[in-house]
Amino acid sequence: MSASSATAAFPRHVKTILRKGLDLRDRYAEGEISSHGLASAAGRLAADMERLLAPHYRSPENQRFAKHLLHEYDR
């Protein structure tokens, strides 16, 4: 994996997790999953995001983006 593809991978992973969250919201709103299912799936997505934000990134862009996400995530 080249430096630029490694740099691009982080925002793609963030986008995937956020899209899964939106899909989860929609499925819950449509009655496809229960409150318990929503809580379980949301917990898994939160854990995925925490794992994604844990490493120290080499790219200044990814460092800045991760810092921003951590700041917003902790609110």
N, C-alpha and C. Protein backbone atom coordinates (compact mmCIF):
# COMPACT_ATOMS: atom_id res chain seq x y z
N MET A 1 0.85 -1.17 0.00
CA MET A 1 0.00 0.00 0.00
C MET A 1 0.89 1.23 0.00
N SER A 2 0.68 2.11 -0.94
CA SER A 2 1.49 3.32 -1.02
C SER A 2 1.06 4.31 0.06
N ALA A 3 1.90 5.32 0.26
CA ALA A 3 1.60 6.32 1.29
C ALA A 3 0.27 7.01 1.00
N SER A 4 0.02 7.35 -0.25
CA SER A 4 -1.22 8.06 -0.57
C SER A 4 -2.44 7.16 -0.39
N SER A 5 -2.33 5.87 -0.73
CA SER A 5 -3.47 4.98 -0.52
C SER A 5 -3.68 4.70 0.96
N ALA A 6 -2.60 4.64 1.72
CA ALA A 6 -2.74 4.48 3.17
C ALA A 6 -3.38 5.71 3.78
N THR A 7 -3.00 6.88 3.28
CA THR A 7 -3.58 8.13 3.77
C THR A 7 -5.07 8.19 3.44
N ALA A 8 -5.45 7.72 2.28
CA ALA A 8 -6.84 7.76 1.85
C ALA A 8 -7.70 6.71 2.55
N ALA A 9 -7.08 5.67 3.08
CA ALA A 9 -7.85 4.59 3.71
C ALA A 9 -8.57 5.06 4.96
N PHE A 10 -7.94 5.89 5.77
CA PHE A 10 -8.55 6.34 7.03
C PHE A 10 -9.88 7.05 6.80
N PRO A 11 -9.95 8.08 5.95
CA PRO A 11 -11.25 8.72 5.75
C PRO A 11 -12.30 7.79 5.13
N ARG A 12 -11.85 6.84 4.30
CA ARG A 12 -12.80 5.87 3.73
C ARG A 12 -13.40 5.01 4.83
N HIS A 13 -12.57 4.59 5.79
CA HIS A 13 -13.08 3.78 6.91
C HIS A 13 -14.05 4.59 7.76
N VAL A 14 -13.73 5.85 8.00
CA VAL A 14 -14.64 6.72 8.76
C VAL A 14 -15.97 6.82 8.03
N LYS A 15 -15.92 7.05 6.74
CA LYS A 15 -17.13 7.18 5.93
C LYS A 15 -17.98 5.92 6.01
N THR A 16 -17.34 4.77 5.96
CA THR A 16 -18.06 3.49 6.05
C THR A 16 -18.80 3.38 7.37
N ILE A 17 -18.13 3.71 8.47
CA ILE A 17 -18.76 3.62 9.78
C ILE A 17 -19.93 4.60 9.88
N LEU A 18 -19.74 5.82 9.40
CA LEU A 18 -20.81 6.81 9.46
C LEU A 18 -22.01 6.39 8.61
N ARG A 19 -21.75 5.82 7.44
CA ARG A 19 -22.85 5.34 6.60
C ARG A 19 -23.60 4.19 7.28
N LYS A 20 -22.86 3.31 7.95
CA LYS A 20 -23.52 2.23 8.68
C LYS A 20 -24.42 2.80 9.77
N GLY A 21 -23.97 3.87 10.41
CA GLY A 21 -24.78 4.53 11.43
C GLY A 21 -26.06 5.11 10.85
N LEU A 22 -25.96 5.73 9.69
CA LEU A 22 -27.15 6.27 9.03
C LEU A 22 -28.10 5.16 8.59
N ASP A 23 -27.55 4.08 8.07
CA ASP A 23 -28.38 2.93 7.70
C ASP A 23 -29.08 2.35 8.92
N LEU A 24 -28.37 2.27 10.02
CA LEU A 24 -28.93 1.76 11.26
C LEU A 24 -30.09 2.64 11.72
N ARG A 25 -29.88 3.96 11.68
CA ARG A 25 -30.93 4.91 12.06
C ARG A 25 -32.18 4.69 11.20
N ASP A 26 -31.98 4.55 9.91
CA ASP A 26 -33.10 4.37 8.99
C ASP A 26 -33.82 3.05 9.24
N ARG A 27 -33.07 2.00 9.46
CA ARG A 27 -33.68 0.69 9.74
C ARG A 27 -34.51 0.73 11.01
N TYR A 28 -34.01 1.43 12.02
CA TYR A 28 -34.76 1.57 13.27
C TYR A 28 -36.03 2.39 13.04
N ALA A 29 -35.92 3.49 12.30
CA ALA A 29 -37.07 4.35 12.02
C ALA A 29 -38.15 3.61 11.23
N GLU A 30 -37.74 2.67 10.39
CA GLU A 30 -38.68 1.89 9.59
C GLU A 30 -39.21 0.67 10.35
N GLY A 31 -38.77 0.49 11.59
CA GLY A 31 -39.25 -0.61 12.41
C GLY A 31 -38.63 -1.94 12.08
N GLU A 32 -37.53 -1.94 11.35
CA GLU A 32 -36.87 -3.19 10.97
C GLU A 32 -36.08 -3.80 12.12
N ILE A 33 -35.67 -2.97 13.08
CA ILE A 33 -34.93 -3.49 14.23
C ILE A 33 -35.51 -2.90 15.51
N SER A 34 -35.33 -3.61 16.60
CA SER A 34 -35.85 -3.19 17.90
C SER A 34 -34.91 -2.19 18.58
N SER A 35 -35.37 -1.65 19.70
CA SER A 35 -34.51 -0.76 20.48
C SER A 35 -33.26 -1.48 20.95
N HIS A 36 -33.43 -2.74 21.34
CA HIS A 36 -32.28 -3.53 21.78
C HIS A 36 -31.31 -3.75 20.61
N GLY A 37 -31.84 -4.07 19.45
CA GLY A 37 -30.99 -4.25 18.26
C GLY A 37 -30.26 -2.97 17.91
N LEU A 38 -30.96 -1.84 18.03
CA LEU A 38 -30.34 -0.54 17.77
C LEU A 38 -29.19 -0.30 18.73
N ALA A 39 -29.43 -0.54 20.02
CA ALA A 39 -28.39 -0.31 21.03
C ALA A 39 -27.18 -1.22 20.80
N SER A 40 -27.44 -2.48 20.47
CA SER A 40 -26.34 -3.43 20.23
C SER A 40 -25.51 -3.01 19.01
N ALA A 41 -26.19 -2.70 17.93
CA ALA A 41 -25.48 -2.31 16.71
C ALA A 41 -24.76 -0.98 16.89
N ALA A 42 -25.38 -0.04 17.59
CA ALA A 42 -24.73 1.25 17.84
C ALA A 42 -23.48 1.07 18.69
N GLY A 43 -23.52 0.15 19.65
CA GLY A 43 -22.35 -0.14 20.46
C GLY A 43 -21.21 -0.70 19.63
N ARG A 44 -21.54 -1.57 18.68
CA ARG A 44 -20.51 -2.13 17.79
C ARG A 44 -19.91 -1.03 16.91
N LEU A 45 -20.75 -0.14 16.40
CA LEU A 45 -20.24 0.96 15.57
C LEU A 45 -19.35 1.89 16.40
N ALA A 46 -19.75 2.16 17.64
CA ALA A 46 -18.93 3.01 18.51
C ALA A 46 -17.58 2.36 18.77
N ALA A 47 -17.57 1.06 19.00
CA ALA A 47 -16.31 0.34 19.23
C ALA A 47 -15.45 0.38 17.97
N ASP A 48 -16.07 0.22 16.81
CA ASP A 48 -15.32 0.31 15.54
C ASP A 48 -14.67 1.68 15.40
N MET A 49 -15.43 2.74 15.72
CA MET A 49 -14.89 4.09 15.59
C MET A 49 -13.76 4.31 16.59
N GLU A 50 -13.92 3.83 17.81
CA GLU A 50 -12.86 3.98 18.82
C GLU A 50 -11.58 3.28 18.38
N ARG A 51 -11.71 2.08 17.82
CA ARG A 51 -10.53 1.36 17.32
C ARG A 51 -9.88 2.12 16.17
N LEU A 52 -10.70 2.70 15.33
CA LEU A 52 -10.17 3.44 14.18
C LEU A 52 -9.44 4.70 14.62
N LEU A 53 -9.90 5.34 15.68
CA LEU A 53 -9.30 6.60 16.13
C LEU A 53 -8.12 6.38 17.07
N ALA A 54 -7.89 5.16 17.52
CA ALA A 54 -6.83 4.89 18.50
C ALA A 54 -5.41 5.08 17.98
N PRO A 55 -5.07 4.65 16.78
CA PRO A 55 -3.67 4.77 16.34
C PRO A 55 -3.25 6.21 16.10
N HIS A 56 -1.94 6.39 16.09
CA HIS A 56 -1.37 7.69 15.73
C HIS A 56 -1.09 7.65 14.23
N TYR A 57 -1.65 8.56 13.50
CA TYR A 57 -1.52 8.56 12.04
C TYR A 57 -0.33 9.40 11.61
N ARG A 58 0.37 8.95 10.57
CA ARG A 58 1.56 9.66 10.07
C ARG A 58 1.18 10.90 9.27
N SER A 59 0.14 10.81 8.53
CA SER A 59 -0.28 11.91 7.66
C SER A 59 -0.82 13.07 8.51
N PRO A 60 -0.34 14.28 8.28
CA PRO A 60 -0.87 15.44 9.03
C PRO A 60 -2.38 15.63 8.81
N GLU A 61 -2.85 15.31 7.60
CA GLU A 61 -4.28 15.44 7.32
C GLU A 61 -5.09 14.46 8.17
N ASN A 62 -4.62 13.21 8.24
CA ASN A 62 -5.32 12.21 9.04
C ASN A 62 -5.20 12.51 10.53
N GLN A 63 -4.06 13.01 10.96
CA GLN A 63 -3.92 13.41 12.37
C GLN A 63 -4.94 14.48 12.72
N ARG A 64 -5.07 15.47 11.86
CA ARG A 64 -6.01 16.57 12.09
C ARG A 64 -7.45 16.06 12.08
N PHE A 65 -7.77 15.19 11.13
CA PHE A 65 -9.12 14.64 11.03
C PHE A 65 -9.44 13.78 12.25
N ALA A 66 -8.50 12.92 12.66
CA ALA A 66 -8.71 12.08 13.85
C ALA A 66 -8.89 12.94 15.09
N LYS A 67 -8.11 13.99 15.22
CA LYS A 67 -8.24 14.90 16.37
C LYS A 67 -9.62 15.55 16.38
N HIS A 68 -10.08 15.98 15.23
CA HIS A 68 -11.41 16.58 15.12
C HIS A 68 -12.49 15.57 15.51
N LEU A 69 -12.39 14.35 14.98
CA LEU A 69 -13.38 13.33 15.28
C LEU A 69 -13.39 12.98 16.77
N LEU A 70 -12.21 12.88 17.37
CA LEU A 70 -12.14 12.60 18.81
C LEU A 70 -12.78 13.73 19.61
N HIS A 71 -12.53 14.95 19.22
CA HIS A 71 -13.12 16.10 19.91
C HIS A 71 -14.65 16.04 19.83
N GLU A 72 -15.18 15.77 18.66
CA GLU A 72 -16.63 15.70 18.48
C GLU A 72 -17.20 14.44 19.13
N TYR A 73 -16.47 13.35 19.11
CA TYR A 73 -16.93 12.08 19.66
C TYR A 73 -17.09 12.16 21.17
N ASP A 74 -16.24 12.90 21.83
CA ASP A 74 -16.26 12.98 23.29
C ASP A 74 -17.33 13.93 23.82
N ARG A 75 -18.05 14.60 22.97
CA ARG A 75 -19.07 15.55 23.42
C ARG A 75 -20.26 14.88 24.00
